[in-house]
Amino acid sequence: MVSWLAKWGAKKGVQMFTPKIAKNLTTKRSIQDKVVKAVDEGTKKGLGGKKPSDKLKQSMSKTKRDSSKSMKDISYKWDKLVSDRKKADKKLVKQTVGGGAAAIAGTVGAHEGAKRKWPKYKKVMESDITIKDGKLGLKEKKKK
């Protein structure tokens, strides 16, 4: 139903706004249920099985509202902290991998540059080191 309306609005130059769907509805609902259950049990124990008066019912509903709101706020803050921590961890991993790649690229570049600039360096780097009669020597690497 909405798709034809969006197409019609696009033809007419009208901006369509889609409703924003709330996040963590199950968490919100479970918090609400726990608060309502706790307040109801507390009043039943406090009254000893008697029915609450209208004034008490009003204060109970206000308590339920205020308590569930404060608990939901705590839950939202926790969720935000967790998501911020995950983002920071992802950023740190990217920086670490990028730094490692840059270091490797720099080393390889320096090695290649040194081989071009100093032929003796190239000769040493492309040779195997051998020990003959207690003396170090260079031997050409076998090519595969």
N, C-alpha and C. Protein backbone atom coordinates (compact mmCIF):
# COMPACT_ATOMS: atom_id res chain seq x y z
N MET A 1 0.83 -1.20 0.00
CA MET A 1 0.00 0.00 0.00
C MET A 1 0.87 1.26 0.00
N VAL A 2 1.93 1.20 0.73
CA VAL A 2 2.80 2.38 0.85
C VAL A 2 3.58 2.61 -0.44
N SER A 3 3.92 1.52 -1.16
CA SER A 3 4.75 1.67 -2.35
C SER A 3 4.06 2.51 -3.43
N TRP A 4 2.78 2.30 -3.67
CA TRP A 4 2.10 3.10 -4.69
C TRP A 4 1.99 4.55 -4.23
N LEU A 5 1.84 4.74 -2.91
CA LEU A 5 1.74 6.08 -2.38
C LEU A 5 3.08 6.82 -2.54
N ALA A 6 4.18 6.11 -2.34
CA ALA A 6 5.50 6.71 -2.50
C ALA A 6 5.74 7.08 -3.96
N LYS A 7 5.33 6.21 -4.88
CA LYS A 7 5.49 6.49 -6.31
C LYS A 7 4.66 7.72 -6.70
N TRP A 8 3.43 7.76 -6.20
CA TRP A 8 2.56 8.89 -6.52
C TRP A 8 3.16 10.19 -5.97
N GLY A 9 3.68 10.12 -4.73
CA GLY A 9 4.27 11.31 -4.12
C GLY A 9 5.51 11.76 -4.86
N ALA A 10 6.30 10.82 -5.37
CA ALA A 10 7.51 11.16 -6.11
C ALA A 10 7.15 11.87 -7.41
N LYS A 11 6.07 11.43 -8.05
CA LYS A 11 5.64 12.07 -9.30
C LYS A 11 5.15 13.49 -9.04
N LYS A 12 4.49 13.69 -7.92
CA LYS A 12 3.93 15.00 -7.59
C LYS A 12 4.94 15.93 -6.92
N GLY A 13 6.11 15.40 -6.58
CA GLY A 13 7.13 16.23 -5.93
C GLY A 13 6.92 16.36 -4.44
N VAL A 14 6.19 15.43 -3.85
CA VAL A 14 5.92 15.46 -2.42
C VAL A 14 6.92 14.56 -1.71
N GLN A 15 7.48 15.05 -0.60
CA GLN A 15 8.40 14.22 0.17
C GLN A 15 7.59 13.31 1.07
N MET A 16 7.96 12.04 1.07
CA MET A 16 7.28 11.07 1.92
C MET A 16 8.15 10.78 3.14
N PHE A 17 7.54 10.75 4.28
CA PHE A 17 8.25 10.44 5.52
C PHE A 17 7.78 9.09 6.03
N THR A 18 8.72 8.20 6.21
CA THR A 18 8.37 6.90 6.77
C THR A 18 8.56 6.96 8.28
N PRO A 19 7.70 6.30 9.03
CA PRO A 19 7.84 6.34 10.48
C PRO A 19 9.11 5.61 10.93
N LYS A 20 9.70 6.13 11.97
CA LYS A 20 10.91 5.52 12.50
C LYS A 20 10.49 4.41 13.47
N ILE A 21 10.97 3.22 13.23
CA ILE A 21 10.61 2.10 14.08
C ILE A 21 11.51 2.11 15.31
N ALA A 22 10.88 1.97 16.48
CA ALA A 22 11.62 2.03 17.73
C ALA A 22 12.53 0.81 17.86
N LYS A 23 13.64 1.01 18.56
CA LYS A 23 14.59 -0.08 18.78
C LYS A 23 14.35 -0.70 20.14
N ASN A 24 14.80 -1.94 20.29
CA ASN A 24 14.78 -2.67 21.56
C ASN A 24 13.39 -2.73 22.19
N LEU A 25 12.39 -3.02 21.39
CA LEU A 25 11.04 -3.08 21.93
C LEU A 25 10.87 -4.23 22.92
N THR A 26 11.54 -5.35 22.69
CA THR A 26 11.40 -6.47 23.62
C THR A 26 12.01 -6.12 24.97
N THR A 27 13.13 -5.41 24.97
CA THR A 27 13.75 -5.00 26.23
C THR A 27 12.85 -4.04 26.97
N LYS A 28 12.29 -3.07 26.24
CA LYS A 28 11.40 -2.10 26.87
C LYS A 28 10.19 -2.80 27.49
N ARG A 29 9.63 -3.74 26.74
CA ARG A 29 8.44 -4.43 27.22
C ARG A 29 8.74 -5.29 28.44
N SER A 30 9.89 -5.97 28.43
CA SER A 30 10.22 -6.81 29.58
C SER A 30 10.46 -5.96 30.83
N ILE A 31 11.09 -4.80 30.66
CA ILE A 31 11.29 -3.89 31.80
C ILE A 31 9.94 -3.44 32.35
N GLN A 32 9.05 -3.04 31.44
CA GLN A 32 7.71 -2.59 31.84
C GLN A 32 6.97 -3.68 32.61
N ASP A 33 7.01 -4.91 32.10
CA ASP A 33 6.31 -6.02 32.75
C ASP A 33 6.88 -6.30 34.14
N LYS A 34 8.20 -6.27 34.27
CA LYS A 34 8.83 -6.55 35.57
C LYS A 34 8.47 -5.48 36.60
N VAL A 35 8.45 -4.22 36.17
CA VAL A 35 8.11 -3.13 37.09
C VAL A 35 6.66 -3.25 37.54
N VAL A 36 5.75 -3.50 36.62
CA VAL A 36 4.33 -3.62 36.95
C VAL A 36 4.11 -4.79 37.91
N LYS A 37 4.77 -5.89 37.62
CA LYS A 37 4.62 -7.08 38.48
C LYS A 37 5.15 -6.81 39.88
N ALA A 38 6.29 -6.15 39.98
CA ALA A 38 6.89 -5.86 41.29
C ALA A 38 6.01 -4.92 42.11
N VAL A 39 5.50 -3.86 41.47
CA VAL A 39 4.65 -2.91 42.20
C VAL A 39 3.35 -3.58 42.64
N ASP A 40 2.76 -4.39 41.77
CA ASP A 40 1.51 -5.08 42.14
C ASP A 40 1.73 -6.05 43.30
N GLU A 41 2.83 -6.80 43.26
CA GLU A 41 3.11 -7.74 44.35
C GLU A 41 3.35 -7.00 45.66
N GLY A 42 4.06 -5.87 45.58
CA GLY A 42 4.33 -5.08 46.78
C GLY A 42 3.07 -4.53 47.41
N THR A 43 2.15 -4.07 46.59
CA THR A 43 0.91 -3.53 47.15
C THR A 43 0.03 -4.64 47.71
N LYS A 44 0.02 -5.81 47.07
CA LYS A 44 -0.77 -6.93 47.61
C LYS A 44 -0.25 -7.35 48.98
N LYS A 45 1.09 -7.42 49.11
CA LYS A 45 1.66 -7.80 50.40
C LYS A 45 1.38 -6.73 51.45
N GLY A 46 1.49 -5.47 51.03
CA GLY A 46 1.29 -4.37 51.97
C GLY A 46 -0.16 -4.23 52.44
N LEU A 47 -1.10 -4.51 51.58
CA LEU A 47 -2.52 -4.36 51.94
C LEU A 47 -3.08 -5.62 52.57
N GLY A 48 -2.40 -6.72 52.47
CA GLY A 48 -2.89 -7.97 53.08
C GLY A 48 -4.11 -8.53 52.39
N GLY A 49 -4.20 -8.38 51.09
CA GLY A 49 -5.32 -8.95 50.34
C GLY A 49 -6.49 -8.00 50.15
N LYS A 50 -6.48 -6.82 50.77
CA LYS A 50 -7.57 -5.84 50.61
C LYS A 50 -7.42 -5.14 49.26
N LYS A 51 -8.51 -4.56 48.76
CA LYS A 51 -8.47 -3.82 47.51
C LYS A 51 -7.94 -2.41 47.76
N PRO A 52 -7.09 -1.90 46.87
CA PRO A 52 -6.56 -0.55 47.06
C PRO A 52 -7.59 0.52 46.75
N SER A 53 -7.46 1.66 47.40
CA SER A 53 -8.37 2.78 47.15
C SER A 53 -7.99 3.47 45.85
N ASP A 54 -8.84 4.38 45.40
CA ASP A 54 -8.58 5.09 44.14
C ASP A 54 -7.30 5.92 44.22
N LYS A 55 -7.10 6.57 45.38
CA LYS A 55 -5.91 7.39 45.55
C LYS A 55 -4.66 6.53 45.49
N LEU A 56 -4.72 5.37 46.11
CA LEU A 56 -3.58 4.45 46.10
C LEU A 56 -3.33 3.92 44.70
N LYS A 57 -4.39 3.66 43.94
CA LYS A 57 -4.25 3.19 42.56
C LYS A 57 -3.53 4.23 41.71
N GLN A 58 -3.87 5.50 41.92
CA GLN A 58 -3.21 6.57 41.17
C GLN A 58 -1.72 6.64 41.51
N SER A 59 -1.42 6.54 42.79
CA SER A 59 0.00 6.62 43.17
C SER A 59 0.75 5.38 42.66
N MET A 60 0.07 4.22 42.62
CA MET A 60 0.70 3.01 42.09
C MET A 60 1.03 3.17 40.61
N SER A 61 0.10 3.71 39.85
CA SER A 61 0.34 3.86 38.42
C SER A 61 1.45 4.89 38.17
N LYS A 62 1.50 5.93 39.00
CA LYS A 62 2.58 6.91 38.86
C LYS A 62 3.92 6.26 39.20
N THR A 63 3.94 5.44 40.23
CA THR A 63 5.17 4.74 40.61
C THR A 63 5.62 3.81 39.48
N LYS A 64 4.65 3.11 38.88
CA LYS A 64 4.98 2.21 37.77
C LYS A 64 5.59 2.99 36.61
N ARG A 65 4.96 4.11 36.27
CA ARG A 65 5.46 4.94 35.16
C ARG A 65 6.87 5.44 35.42
N ASP A 66 7.05 6.05 36.59
CA ASP A 66 8.34 6.66 36.92
C ASP A 66 9.45 5.60 37.01
N SER A 67 9.14 4.48 37.64
CA SER A 67 10.15 3.42 37.81
C SER A 67 10.55 2.83 36.47
N SER A 68 9.56 2.53 35.64
CA SER A 68 9.90 1.92 34.35
C SER A 68 10.67 2.91 33.47
N LYS A 69 10.33 4.20 33.56
CA LYS A 69 11.06 5.20 32.77
C LYS A 69 12.52 5.28 33.21
N SER A 70 12.74 5.31 34.52
CA SER A 70 14.13 5.40 35.00
C SER A 70 14.92 4.14 34.63
N MET A 71 14.29 2.99 34.72
CA MET A 71 14.98 1.74 34.36
C MET A 71 15.26 1.67 32.86
N LYS A 72 14.34 2.15 32.06
CA LYS A 72 14.56 2.18 30.61
C LYS A 72 15.70 3.13 30.26
N ASP A 73 15.76 4.28 30.96
CA ASP A 73 16.85 5.23 30.72
C ASP A 73 18.20 4.58 31.02
N ILE A 74 18.26 3.82 32.10
CA ILE A 74 19.50 3.10 32.44
C ILE A 74 19.85 2.11 31.34
N SER A 75 18.84 1.40 30.84
CA SER A 75 19.05 0.43 29.77
C SER A 75 19.55 1.11 28.50
N TYR A 76 19.00 2.27 28.17
CA TYR A 76 19.43 3.01 26.98
C TYR A 76 20.89 3.47 27.12
N LYS A 77 21.23 3.96 28.31
CA LYS A 77 22.61 4.40 28.54
C LYS A 77 23.58 3.23 28.38
N TRP A 78 23.19 2.07 28.91
CA TRP A 78 24.04 0.89 28.79
C TRP A 78 24.21 0.50 27.32
N ASP A 79 23.11 0.48 26.58
CA ASP A 79 23.18 0.12 25.16
C ASP A 79 24.08 1.09 24.40
N LYS A 80 23.99 2.38 24.73
CA LYS A 80 24.84 3.37 24.06
C LYS A 80 26.31 3.14 24.39
N LEU A 81 26.60 2.85 25.66
CA LEU A 81 27.99 2.57 26.05
C LEU A 81 28.54 1.36 25.31
N VAL A 82 27.72 0.32 25.20
CA VAL A 82 28.16 -0.90 24.51
C VAL A 82 28.43 -0.62 23.04
N SER A 83 27.51 0.12 22.39
CA SER A 83 27.70 0.41 20.96
C SER A 83 28.92 1.31 20.74
N ASP A 84 29.13 2.28 21.62
CA ASP A 84 30.31 3.15 21.51
C ASP A 84 31.59 2.35 21.66
N ARG A 85 31.60 1.40 22.59
CA ARG A 85 32.78 0.57 22.81
C ARG A 85 33.07 -0.30 21.58
N LYS A 86 32.00 -0.84 20.97
CA LYS A 86 32.18 -1.66 19.77
C LYS A 86 32.76 -0.82 18.63
N LYS A 87 32.26 0.40 18.47
CA LYS A 87 32.77 1.28 17.41
C LYS A 87 34.25 1.59 17.65
N ALA A 88 34.60 1.87 18.90
CA ALA A 88 35.99 2.19 19.22
C ALA A 88 36.90 0.98 18.96
N ASP A 89 36.40 -0.22 19.28
CA ASP A 89 37.20 -1.43 19.03
C ASP A 89 37.42 -1.63 17.54
N LYS A 90 36.37 -1.42 16.73
CA LYS A 90 36.50 -1.57 15.28
C LYS A 90 37.53 -0.57 14.74
N LYS A 91 37.46 0.65 15.23
CA LYS A 91 38.38 1.69 14.77
C LYS A 91 39.82 1.33 15.14
N LEU A 92 40.01 0.81 16.34
CA LEU A 92 41.34 0.41 16.79
C LEU A 92 41.90 -0.72 15.94
N VAL A 93 41.06 -1.69 15.59
CA VAL A 93 41.51 -2.80 14.75
C VAL A 93 41.92 -2.28 13.38
N LYS A 94 41.12 -1.39 12.81
CA LYS A 94 41.46 -0.81 11.50
C LYS A 94 42.79 -0.06 11.56
N GLN A 95 42.99 0.72 12.62
CA GLN A 95 44.23 1.47 12.75
C GLN A 95 45.43 0.54 12.90
N THR A 96 45.25 -0.54 13.66
CA THR A 96 46.35 -1.48 13.87
C THR A 96 46.74 -2.17 12.57
N VAL A 97 45.74 -2.64 11.85
CA VAL A 97 46.00 -3.31 10.57
C VAL A 97 46.63 -2.33 9.58
N GLY A 98 46.10 -1.13 9.52
CA GLY A 98 46.65 -0.12 8.62
C GLY A 98 48.08 0.24 8.96
N GLY A 99 48.38 0.35 10.25
CA GLY A 99 49.75 0.67 10.68
C GLY A 99 50.71 -0.45 10.32
N GLY A 100 50.27 -1.70 10.50
CA GLY A 100 51.11 -2.84 10.13
C GLY A 100 51.38 -2.88 8.64
N ALA A 101 50.35 -2.63 7.86
CA ALA A 101 50.51 -2.63 6.40
C ALA A 101 51.45 -1.50 5.96
N ALA A 102 51.32 -0.35 6.59
CA ALA A 102 52.20 0.78 6.24
C ALA A 102 53.66 0.47 6.59
N ALA A 103 53.86 -0.18 7.73
CA ALA A 103 55.23 -0.53 8.14
C ALA A 103 55.85 -1.52 7.16
N ILE A 104 55.07 -2.51 6.74
CA ILE A 104 55.57 -3.50 5.78
C ILE A 104 55.88 -2.83 4.45
N ALA A 105 54.97 -1.98 3.99
CA ALA A 105 55.20 -1.29 2.72
C ALA A 105 56.45 -0.41 2.79
N GLY A 106 56.64 0.26 3.91
CA GLY A 106 57.82 1.11 4.08
C GLY A 106 59.11 0.30 4.07
N THR A 107 59.08 -0.83 4.73
CA THR A 107 60.27 -1.69 4.77
C THR A 107 60.61 -2.23 3.39
N VAL A 108 59.59 -2.71 2.69
CA VAL A 108 59.82 -3.25 1.34
C VAL A 108 60.33 -2.14 0.42
N GLY A 109 59.73 -0.96 0.51
CA GLY A 109 60.16 0.17 -0.32
C GLY A 109 61.60 0.56 -0.03
N ALA A 110 61.96 0.60 1.25
CA ALA A 110 63.34 0.95 1.63
C ALA A 110 64.32 -0.11 1.13
N HIS A 111 63.94 -1.35 1.21
CA HIS A 111 64.79 -2.46 0.75
C HIS A 111 65.04 -2.35 -0.76
N GLU A 112 63.97 -2.12 -1.50
CA GLU A 112 64.10 -2.00 -2.97
C GLU A 112 64.93 -0.77 -3.34
N GLY A 113 64.73 0.32 -2.65
CA GLY A 113 65.50 1.53 -2.92
C GLY A 113 66.98 1.34 -2.63
N ALA A 114 67.25 0.64 -1.52
CA ALA A 114 68.64 0.41 -1.16
C ALA A 114 69.33 -0.50 -2.18
N LYS A 115 68.61 -1.49 -2.70
CA LYS A 115 69.20 -2.38 -3.70
C LYS A 115 69.56 -1.61 -4.97
N ARG A 116 68.75 -0.63 -5.31
CA ARG A 116 69.04 0.16 -6.52
C ARG A 116 70.21 1.12 -6.29
N LYS A 117 70.25 1.71 -5.11
CA LYS A 117 71.25 2.74 -4.85
C LYS A 117 72.64 2.17 -4.57
N TRP A 118 72.70 1.07 -3.84
CA TRP A 118 74.00 0.48 -3.48
C TRP A 118 74.12 -0.94 -4.01
N PRO A 119 74.89 -1.14 -5.04
CA PRO A 119 75.05 -2.49 -5.62
C PRO A 119 75.61 -3.50 -4.62
N LYS A 120 76.46 -3.05 -3.72
CA LYS A 120 77.03 -3.97 -2.73
C LYS A 120 75.92 -4.49 -1.80
N TYR A 121 74.99 -3.63 -1.43
CA TYR A 121 73.84 -4.03 -0.60
C TYR A 121 73.03 -5.09 -1.33
N LYS A 122 72.84 -4.87 -2.63
CA LYS A 122 72.07 -5.81 -3.43
C LYS A 122 72.77 -7.16 -3.46
N LYS A 123 74.07 -7.13 -3.62
CA LYS A 123 74.84 -8.38 -3.69
C LYS A 123 74.72 -9.15 -2.37
N VAL A 124 74.81 -8.43 -1.26
CA VAL A 124 74.72 -9.08 0.05
C VAL A 124 73.31 -9.62 0.29
N MET A 125 72.29 -8.84 -0.06
CA MET A 125 70.91 -9.25 0.21
C MET A 125 70.47 -10.41 -0.67
N GLU A 126 71.06 -10.55 -1.82
CA GLU A 126 70.67 -11.62 -2.73
C GLU A 126 71.62 -12.80 -2.67
N SER A 127 72.39 -12.91 -1.59
CA SER A 127 73.34 -14.01 -1.43
C SER A 127 73.05 -14.76 -0.13
N ASP A 128 73.54 -16.00 -0.09
CA ASP A 128 73.49 -16.78 1.13
C ASP A 128 74.80 -16.60 1.87
N ILE A 129 74.74 -16.60 3.17
CA ILE A 129 75.96 -16.46 3.96
C ILE A 129 76.50 -17.86 4.24
N THR A 130 77.78 -18.04 4.00
CA THR A 130 78.42 -19.33 4.26
C THR A 130 79.60 -19.13 5.20
N ILE A 131 79.93 -20.22 5.90
CA ILE A 131 81.11 -20.18 6.77
C ILE A 131 82.08 -21.23 6.24
N LYS A 132 83.27 -20.76 5.85
CA LYS A 132 84.29 -21.65 5.29
C LYS A 132 85.60 -21.39 6.02
N ASP A 133 86.13 -22.41 6.64
CA ASP A 133 87.36 -22.30 7.42
C ASP A 133 87.27 -21.22 8.49
N GLY A 134 86.08 -21.11 9.11
CA GLY A 134 85.90 -20.14 10.17
C GLY A 134 85.72 -18.71 9.69
N LYS A 135 85.59 -18.53 8.37
CA LYS A 135 85.41 -17.18 7.82
C LYS A 135 84.04 -17.09 7.16
N LEU A 136 83.40 -15.92 7.29
CA LEU A 136 82.11 -15.69 6.62
C LEU A 136 82.33 -15.39 5.16
N GLY A 137 81.46 -15.92 4.36
CA GLY A 137 81.55 -15.64 2.94
C GLY A 137 80.16 -15.56 2.33
N LEU A 138 80.09 -15.06 1.12
CA LEU A 138 78.81 -14.96 0.41
C LEU A 138 78.79 -15.97 -0.72
N LYS A 139 77.65 -16.58 -0.88
CA LYS A 139 77.48 -17.55 -1.95
C LYS A 139 76.17 -17.21 -2.65
N GLU A 140 76.19 -17.25 -3.96
CA GLU A 140 75.00 -16.88 -4.71
C GLU A 140 73.87 -17.87 -4.41
N LYS A 141 72.66 -17.31 -4.23
CA LYS A 141 71.50 -18.16 -3.94
C LYS A 141 71.14 -18.99 -5.15
N LYS A 142 70.67 -20.21 -4.87
CA LYS A 142 70.22 -21.06 -5.97
C LYS A 142 68.88 -20.55 -6.44
N LYS A 143 68.71 -20.45 -7.73
CA LYS A 143 67.46 -19.97 -8.31
C LYS A 143 66.54 -21.15 -8.54
N LYS A 144 65.30 -20.95 -8.27
CA LYS A 144 64.32 -22.02 -8.39
C LYS A 144 63.81 -22.17 -9.79
